[in-house]
């Protein structure tokens, strides 16, 4: 299976919407977020996206969502969405993502804001846990 990382430039996002919006809808459902807001964040370029593209099946297997922040003088890519099917097939693309972010987005580092299950996978790819997010619903 030939799977490639395909970062979508802002001028291609709208035309490619049928490929990535189903993933965003699942993220919204899972997180209790408004799907329209999430889609507008992508279209408005607050969130950049990349697809894990299956060349043989001509379809997206996964969606990665990123936003860029400055921490001091360093440009950091925050991975805020990592979702799709067949994780074991496309997680090797993390190395391609890192190269892309370094060479095309001038990033100095990556911070992954992820669900607990992703922590183990990312640790296996050289990431380290630096913070925990602890939540409580106020009812």
N, C-alpha and C. Protein backbone atom coordinates (compact mmCIF):
# COMPACT_ATOMS: atom_id res chain seq x y z
N UNK A 1 0.85 -1.17 0.00
CA UNK A 1 0.00 0.00 0.00
C UNK A 1 0.89 1.24 0.00
N UNK A 2 0.66 2.13 -0.94
CA UNK A 2 1.43 3.37 -1.04
C UNK A 2 0.63 4.50 -0.39
N UNK A 3 1.09 4.94 0.78
CA UNK A 3 0.43 6.01 1.50
C UNK A 3 1.39 7.18 1.59
N UNK A 4 0.89 8.38 1.29
CA UNK A 4 1.72 9.58 1.26
C UNK A 4 1.09 10.68 2.11
N UNK A 5 1.95 11.53 2.64
CA UNK A 5 1.48 12.73 3.32
C UNK A 5 1.20 13.79 2.27
N UNK A 6 0.00 14.38 2.33
CA UNK A 6 -0.38 15.42 1.37
C UNK A 6 -0.84 16.65 2.15
N UNK A 7 0.08 17.60 2.42
CA UNK A 7 -0.34 18.85 3.05
C UNK A 7 -1.19 19.65 2.06
N UNK A 8 -2.29 20.20 2.53
CA UNK A 8 -3.16 20.98 1.66
C UNK A 8 -2.87 22.47 1.84
N UNK A 9 -2.41 23.13 0.79
CA UNK A 9 -2.20 24.58 0.90
C UNK A 9 -3.54 25.28 1.02
N UNK A 10 -3.56 26.47 1.64
CA UNK A 10 -4.83 27.17 1.85
C UNK A 10 -5.67 27.33 0.59
N UNK A 11 -5.04 27.52 -0.56
CA UNK A 11 -5.82 27.71 -1.79
C UNK A 11 -6.43 26.42 -2.33
N UNK A 12 -6.12 25.27 -1.73
CA UNK A 12 -6.67 23.99 -2.17
C UNK A 12 -7.69 23.41 -1.19
N UNK A 13 -7.81 24.03 -0.03
CA UNK A 13 -8.65 23.48 1.04
C UNK A 13 -10.12 23.38 0.63
N UNK A 14 -10.67 24.43 0.08
CA UNK A 14 -12.10 24.42 -0.27
C UNK A 14 -12.41 23.36 -1.32
N UNK A 15 -11.59 23.27 -2.35
CA UNK A 15 -11.84 22.29 -3.41
C UNK A 15 -11.72 20.86 -2.90
N UNK A 16 -10.87 20.66 -1.90
CA UNK A 16 -10.65 19.32 -1.35
C UNK A 16 -11.58 19.00 -0.18
N UNK A 17 -12.52 19.88 0.12
CA UNK A 17 -13.40 19.70 1.28
C UNK A 17 -14.07 18.33 1.35
N UNK A 18 -14.53 17.74 0.23
CA UNK A 18 -15.15 16.41 0.35
C UNK A 18 -14.20 15.34 0.89
N UNK A 19 -12.89 15.57 0.79
CA UNK A 19 -11.92 14.60 1.29
C UNK A 19 -11.68 14.72 2.79
N UNK A 20 -11.73 15.94 3.32
CA UNK A 20 -11.36 16.14 4.72
C UNK A 20 -12.52 16.43 5.66
N UNK A 21 -13.64 16.93 5.16
CA UNK A 21 -14.74 17.27 6.09
C UNK A 21 -15.34 16.07 6.83
N UNK A 22 -15.36 14.87 6.25
CA UNK A 22 -15.87 13.74 7.05
C UNK A 22 -15.04 13.49 8.31
N UNK A 23 -13.72 13.70 8.22
CA UNK A 23 -12.87 13.54 9.41
C UNK A 23 -13.21 14.61 10.44
N UNK A 24 -13.42 15.83 9.99
CA UNK A 24 -13.73 16.93 10.91
C UNK A 24 -15.08 16.68 11.57
N UNK A 25 -16.03 16.14 10.84
CA UNK A 25 -17.33 15.81 11.43
C UNK A 25 -17.17 14.79 12.56
N UNK A 26 -16.31 13.81 12.36
CA UNK A 26 -16.07 12.81 13.41
C UNK A 26 -15.38 13.43 14.62
N UNK A 27 -14.44 14.35 14.37
CA UNK A 27 -13.76 15.05 15.46
C UNK A 27 -14.78 15.85 16.27
N UNK A 28 -15.66 16.55 15.57
CA UNK A 28 -16.68 17.37 16.25
C UNK A 28 -17.58 16.49 17.10
N UNK A 29 -18.01 15.38 16.56
CA UNK A 29 -18.88 14.46 17.32
C UNK A 29 -18.16 13.94 18.55
N UNK A 30 -16.93 13.50 18.37
CA UNK A 30 -16.15 12.94 19.48
C UNK A 30 -15.91 13.98 20.58
N UNK A 31 -15.58 15.22 20.17
CA UNK A 31 -15.21 16.25 21.14
C UNK A 31 -16.36 17.12 21.60
N UNK A 32 -17.55 16.92 21.02
CA UNK A 32 -18.68 17.77 21.37
C UNK A 32 -18.50 19.19 20.86
N UNK A 33 -17.80 19.34 19.74
CA UNK A 33 -17.54 20.65 19.15
C UNK A 33 -18.53 20.91 18.03
N UNK A 34 -18.60 22.15 17.61
CA UNK A 34 -19.46 22.54 16.50
C UNK A 34 -18.71 22.28 15.19
N UNK A 35 -19.22 21.41 14.35
CA UNK A 35 -18.54 21.06 13.11
C UNK A 35 -18.34 22.27 12.21
N UNK A 36 -19.31 23.18 12.18
CA UNK A 36 -19.17 24.37 11.36
C UNK A 36 -18.00 25.24 11.79
N UNK A 37 -17.82 25.36 13.09
CA UNK A 37 -16.69 26.15 13.61
C UNK A 37 -15.37 25.49 13.20
N UNK A 38 -15.29 24.17 13.35
CA UNK A 38 -14.05 23.47 12.98
C UNK A 38 -13.76 23.62 11.49
N UNK A 39 -14.77 23.47 10.66
CA UNK A 39 -14.58 23.62 9.22
C UNK A 39 -14.15 25.05 8.89
N UNK A 40 -14.78 26.03 9.53
CA UNK A 40 -14.40 27.42 9.29
C UNK A 40 -12.97 27.71 9.74
N UNK A 41 -12.51 27.02 10.79
CA UNK A 41 -11.12 27.18 11.22
C UNK A 41 -10.14 26.73 10.13
N UNK A 42 -10.52 25.69 9.41
CA UNK A 42 -9.67 25.22 8.31
C UNK A 42 -9.77 26.17 7.12
N UNK A 43 -10.98 26.48 6.73
CA UNK A 43 -11.17 27.37 5.57
C UNK A 43 -10.57 28.75 5.83
N UNK A 44 -10.66 29.22 7.08
CA UNK A 44 -10.10 30.52 7.44
C UNK A 44 -8.62 30.49 7.75
N UNK A 45 -7.98 29.34 7.58
CA UNK A 45 -6.54 29.16 7.75
C UNK A 45 -6.06 29.30 9.20
N UNK A 46 -6.96 29.10 10.18
CA UNK A 46 -6.50 29.04 11.56
C UNK A 46 -5.95 27.65 11.87
N UNK A 47 -6.40 26.66 11.11
CA UNK A 47 -5.90 25.29 11.23
C UNK A 47 -5.46 24.85 9.83
N UNK A 48 -4.21 24.40 9.73
CA UNK A 48 -3.70 23.84 8.48
C UNK A 48 -3.89 22.33 8.54
N UNK A 49 -4.11 21.72 7.38
CA UNK A 49 -4.37 20.28 7.39
C UNK A 49 -3.49 19.54 6.39
N UNK A 50 -3.34 18.26 6.67
CA UNK A 50 -2.65 17.34 5.76
C UNK A 50 -3.42 16.02 5.79
N UNK A 51 -3.39 15.34 4.67
CA UNK A 51 -4.05 14.04 4.57
C UNK A 51 -3.02 12.93 4.46
N UNK A 52 -3.35 11.78 5.01
CA UNK A 52 -2.63 10.55 4.70
C UNK A 52 -3.39 9.96 3.53
N UNK A 53 -2.76 9.97 2.36
CA UNK A 53 -3.44 9.62 1.12
C UNK A 53 -3.01 8.24 0.64
N UNK A 54 -4.00 7.37 0.46
CA UNK A 54 -3.77 6.03 -0.07
C UNK A 54 -3.80 6.14 -1.60
N UNK A 55 -2.64 6.01 -2.20
CA UNK A 55 -2.50 6.17 -3.64
C UNK A 55 -3.28 5.10 -4.41
N UNK A 56 -3.24 3.86 -3.92
CA UNK A 56 -3.90 2.77 -4.63
C UNK A 56 -5.43 2.91 -4.61
N UNK A 57 -5.96 3.27 -3.45
CA UNK A 57 -7.42 3.38 -3.32
C UNK A 57 -7.95 4.78 -3.64
N UNK A 58 -7.01 5.72 -3.86
CA UNK A 58 -7.39 7.10 -4.18
C UNK A 58 -8.36 7.67 -3.15
N UNK A 59 -7.94 7.57 -1.86
CA UNK A 59 -8.77 8.11 -0.79
C UNK A 59 -7.91 8.47 0.41
N UNK A 60 -8.46 9.35 1.21
CA UNK A 60 -7.78 9.77 2.43
C UNK A 60 -8.03 8.74 3.53
N UNK A 61 -6.95 8.38 4.22
CA UNK A 61 -7.05 7.47 5.36
C UNK A 61 -7.10 8.23 6.68
N UNK A 62 -6.50 9.43 6.68
CA UNK A 62 -6.39 10.17 7.94
C UNK A 62 -6.27 11.66 7.67
N UNK A 63 -6.52 12.42 8.73
CA UNK A 63 -6.41 13.87 8.69
C UNK A 63 -5.54 14.32 9.86
N UNK A 64 -4.61 15.20 9.57
CA UNK A 64 -3.80 15.84 10.59
C UNK A 64 -4.11 17.32 10.56
N UNK A 65 -4.38 17.90 11.71
CA UNK A 65 -4.66 19.33 11.80
C UNK A 65 -3.58 20.00 12.62
N UNK A 66 -3.10 21.14 12.14
CA UNK A 66 -2.00 21.84 12.79
C UNK A 66 -2.31 23.32 12.90
N UNK A 67 -1.83 23.92 13.95
CA UNK A 67 -1.81 25.38 14.02
C UNK A 67 -0.39 25.77 14.42
N UNK A 68 -0.03 26.98 14.09
CA UNK A 68 1.34 27.43 14.29
C UNK A 68 1.36 28.53 15.34
N UNK A 69 2.29 28.40 16.28
CA UNK A 69 2.42 29.37 17.36
C UNK A 69 3.89 29.73 17.53
N UNK A 70 4.12 30.88 18.11
CA UNK A 70 5.47 31.29 18.47
C UNK A 70 5.66 31.08 19.96
N UNK A 71 6.75 30.42 20.31
CA UNK A 71 7.15 30.26 21.71
C UNK A 71 8.53 30.89 21.79
N UNK A 72 8.56 32.12 22.29
CA UNK A 72 9.80 32.88 22.24
C UNK A 72 10.13 33.16 20.79
N UNK A 73 11.31 32.80 20.36
CA UNK A 73 11.69 33.00 18.96
C UNK A 73 11.54 31.73 18.13
N UNK A 74 10.88 30.74 18.66
CA UNK A 74 10.70 29.46 17.96
C UNK A 74 9.29 29.34 17.40
N UNK A 75 9.22 28.87 16.16
CA UNK A 75 7.93 28.60 15.51
C UNK A 75 7.60 27.12 15.76
N UNK A 76 6.48 26.89 16.40
CA UNK A 76 6.08 25.53 16.80
C UNK A 76 4.79 25.16 16.07
N UNK A 77 4.75 23.95 15.57
CA UNK A 77 3.52 23.39 15.02
C UNK A 77 2.84 22.61 16.12
N UNK A 78 1.61 22.97 16.41
CA UNK A 78 0.80 22.22 17.36
C UNK A 78 -0.07 21.26 16.56
N UNK A 79 0.12 19.97 16.78
CA UNK A 79 -0.74 18.97 16.15
C UNK A 79 -1.98 18.86 17.03
N UNK A 80 -3.11 19.30 16.48
CA UNK A 80 -4.33 19.29 17.28
C UNK A 80 -5.31 18.21 16.84
N UNK A 81 -5.14 17.70 15.62
CA UNK A 81 -5.98 16.61 15.13
C UNK A 81 -5.10 15.53 14.53
N UNK A 82 -5.29 14.32 14.98
CA UNK A 82 -4.68 13.12 14.40
C UNK A 82 -5.78 12.08 14.40
N UNK A 83 -6.41 11.89 13.26
CA UNK A 83 -7.55 10.98 13.25
C UNK A 83 -7.65 10.27 11.91
N UNK A 84 -8.12 9.04 11.95
CA UNK A 84 -8.31 8.30 10.72
C UNK A 84 -8.40 6.81 10.99
N UNK A 85 -8.33 6.05 9.93
CA UNK A 85 -8.40 4.60 10.05
C UNK A 85 -7.04 4.00 9.71
N UNK A 86 -6.76 2.85 10.28
CA UNK A 86 -5.51 2.17 9.98
C UNK A 86 -4.29 2.92 10.47
N UNK A 87 -4.32 3.35 11.72
CA UNK A 87 -3.24 4.15 12.29
C UNK A 87 -1.86 3.57 12.01
N UNK A 88 -1.74 2.25 12.11
CA UNK A 88 -0.43 1.61 11.90
C UNK A 88 0.09 1.82 10.48
N UNK A 89 -0.81 2.08 9.54
CA UNK A 89 -0.41 2.29 8.14
C UNK A 89 0.17 3.68 7.94
N UNK A 90 -0.41 4.68 8.60
CA UNK A 90 0.01 6.05 8.32
C UNK A 90 0.83 6.73 9.39
N UNK A 91 0.98 6.15 10.59
CA UNK A 91 1.84 6.82 11.58
C UNK A 91 3.29 6.90 11.13
N UNK A 92 3.80 6.02 10.27
CA UNK A 92 5.17 6.24 9.76
C UNK A 92 5.31 7.56 8.99
N UNK A 93 4.19 8.16 8.58
CA UNK A 93 4.24 9.44 7.89
C UNK A 93 4.62 10.59 8.82
N UNK A 94 4.68 10.34 10.13
CA UNK A 94 5.10 11.39 11.05
C UNK A 94 6.48 11.93 10.68
N UNK A 95 7.37 11.06 10.22
CA UNK A 95 8.70 11.52 9.80
C UNK A 95 8.59 12.46 8.61
N UNK A 96 7.69 12.15 7.67
CA UNK A 96 7.47 13.04 6.53
C UNK A 96 6.87 14.36 6.99
N UNK A 97 5.96 14.31 7.96
CA UNK A 97 5.36 15.52 8.49
C UNK A 97 6.43 16.40 9.13
N UNK A 98 7.31 15.79 9.90
CA UNK A 98 8.38 16.56 10.55
C UNK A 98 9.27 17.24 9.51
N UNK A 99 9.62 16.52 8.46
CA UNK A 99 10.44 17.10 7.39
C UNK A 99 9.70 18.25 6.73
N UNK A 100 8.43 18.04 6.42
CA UNK A 100 7.63 19.08 5.80
C UNK A 100 7.58 20.33 6.68
N UNK A 101 7.31 20.14 7.96
CA UNK A 101 7.19 21.28 8.87
C UNK A 101 8.51 22.04 9.00
N UNK A 102 9.60 21.31 9.03
CA UNK A 102 10.92 21.94 9.12
C UNK A 102 11.27 22.69 7.84
N UNK A 103 11.06 22.03 6.69
CA UNK A 103 11.53 22.58 5.41
C UNK A 103 10.56 23.55 4.75
N UNK A 104 9.25 23.39 4.97
CA UNK A 104 8.28 24.22 4.25
C UNK A 104 7.54 25.21 5.15
N UNK A 105 7.49 24.93 6.44
CA UNK A 105 6.77 25.82 7.36
C UNK A 105 7.72 26.50 8.35
N UNK A 106 9.03 26.24 8.21
CA UNK A 106 10.06 26.86 9.06
C UNK A 106 9.81 26.63 10.55
N UNK A 107 9.33 25.43 10.89
CA UNK A 107 9.06 25.10 12.29
C UNK A 107 10.32 24.61 12.98
N UNK A 108 10.42 24.97 14.25
CA UNK A 108 11.54 24.53 15.07
C UNK A 108 11.17 23.34 15.94
N UNK A 109 9.88 23.05 16.06
CA UNK A 109 9.44 21.95 16.90
C UNK A 109 7.98 21.64 16.69
N UNK A 110 7.55 20.55 17.34
CA UNK A 110 6.17 20.09 17.27
C UNK A 110 5.68 19.81 18.68
N UNK A 111 4.48 20.26 18.95
CA UNK A 111 3.79 19.91 20.18
C UNK A 111 2.52 19.18 19.76
N UNK A 112 2.32 17.99 20.29
CA UNK A 112 1.11 17.23 19.96
C UNK A 112 0.12 17.37 21.12
N UNK A 113 -1.04 17.91 20.81
CA UNK A 113 -2.13 18.00 21.78
C UNK A 113 -3.05 16.83 21.43
N UNK A 114 -2.93 15.76 22.23
CA UNK A 114 -3.55 14.50 21.80
C UNK A 114 -4.30 13.82 22.93
N UNK A 115 -5.13 12.90 22.51
CA UNK A 115 -5.85 12.05 23.44
C UNK A 115 -4.86 11.04 24.02
N UNK A 116 -5.18 10.46 25.18
CA UNK A 116 -4.23 9.56 25.84
C UNK A 116 -3.71 8.41 24.97
N UNK A 117 -4.56 7.85 24.12
CA UNK A 117 -4.12 6.74 23.28
C UNK A 117 -2.99 7.09 22.32
N UNK A 118 -2.94 8.36 21.94
CA UNK A 118 -1.88 8.79 21.03
C UNK A 118 -0.53 8.92 21.71
N UNK A 119 -0.53 9.09 23.02
CA UNK A 119 0.72 9.29 23.74
C UNK A 119 1.71 8.15 23.50
N UNK A 120 1.24 6.92 23.60
CA UNK A 120 2.12 5.76 23.38
C UNK A 120 2.65 5.74 21.96
N UNK A 121 1.79 5.97 20.99
CA UNK A 121 2.21 5.96 19.59
C UNK A 121 3.25 7.04 19.33
N UNK A 122 3.00 8.24 19.82
CA UNK A 122 3.93 9.34 19.58
C UNK A 122 5.26 9.12 20.31
N UNK A 123 5.20 8.55 21.51
CA UNK A 123 6.43 8.26 22.25
C UNK A 123 7.31 7.28 21.46
N UNK A 124 6.68 6.33 20.80
CA UNK A 124 7.42 5.38 19.98
C UNK A 124 8.11 6.06 18.79
N UNK A 125 7.67 7.27 18.45
CA UNK A 125 8.25 8.02 17.33
C UNK A 125 9.14 9.17 17.82
N UNK A 126 9.60 9.09 19.06
CA UNK A 126 10.57 10.05 19.57
C UNK A 126 9.99 11.25 20.30
N UNK A 127 8.69 11.30 20.49
CA UNK A 127 8.08 12.40 21.24
C UNK A 127 8.17 12.08 22.72
N UNK A 128 8.12 13.12 23.55
CA UNK A 128 8.15 12.90 25.00
C UNK A 128 7.02 13.69 25.64
N UNK A 129 6.51 13.16 26.72
CA UNK A 129 5.45 13.84 27.46
C UNK A 129 6.08 14.94 28.29
N UNK A 130 5.55 16.16 28.13
CA UNK A 130 6.06 17.29 28.90
C UNK A 130 5.01 17.90 29.81
N UNK A 131 3.72 17.71 29.50
CA UNK A 131 2.64 18.29 30.28
C UNK A 131 1.46 17.33 30.28
N UNK A 132 0.61 17.49 31.25
CA UNK A 132 -0.66 16.80 31.28
C UNK A 132 -1.76 17.86 31.28
N UNK A 133 -2.86 17.56 30.64
CA UNK A 133 -4.03 18.41 30.70
C UNK A 133 -5.05 17.67 31.55
N UNK A 134 -5.51 18.32 32.57
CA UNK A 134 -6.47 17.71 33.48
C UNK A 134 -7.76 18.52 33.36
N UNK A 135 -8.88 17.82 33.14
CA UNK A 135 -10.15 18.50 32.92
C UNK A 135 -11.19 18.09 33.95
N UNK A 136 -12.13 19.01 34.15
CA UNK A 136 -13.27 18.72 35.00
C UNK A 136 -14.45 19.49 34.45
N UNK A 137 -15.57 18.80 34.31
CA UNK A 137 -16.80 19.47 33.89
C UNK A 137 -17.43 20.11 35.10
N UNK A 138 -17.90 21.33 34.91
CA UNK A 138 -18.61 22.03 35.99
C UNK A 138 -20.10 21.92 35.72
N UNK A 139 -20.78 21.21 36.59
CA UNK A 139 -22.21 21.01 36.40
C UNK A 139 -23.02 21.67 37.48
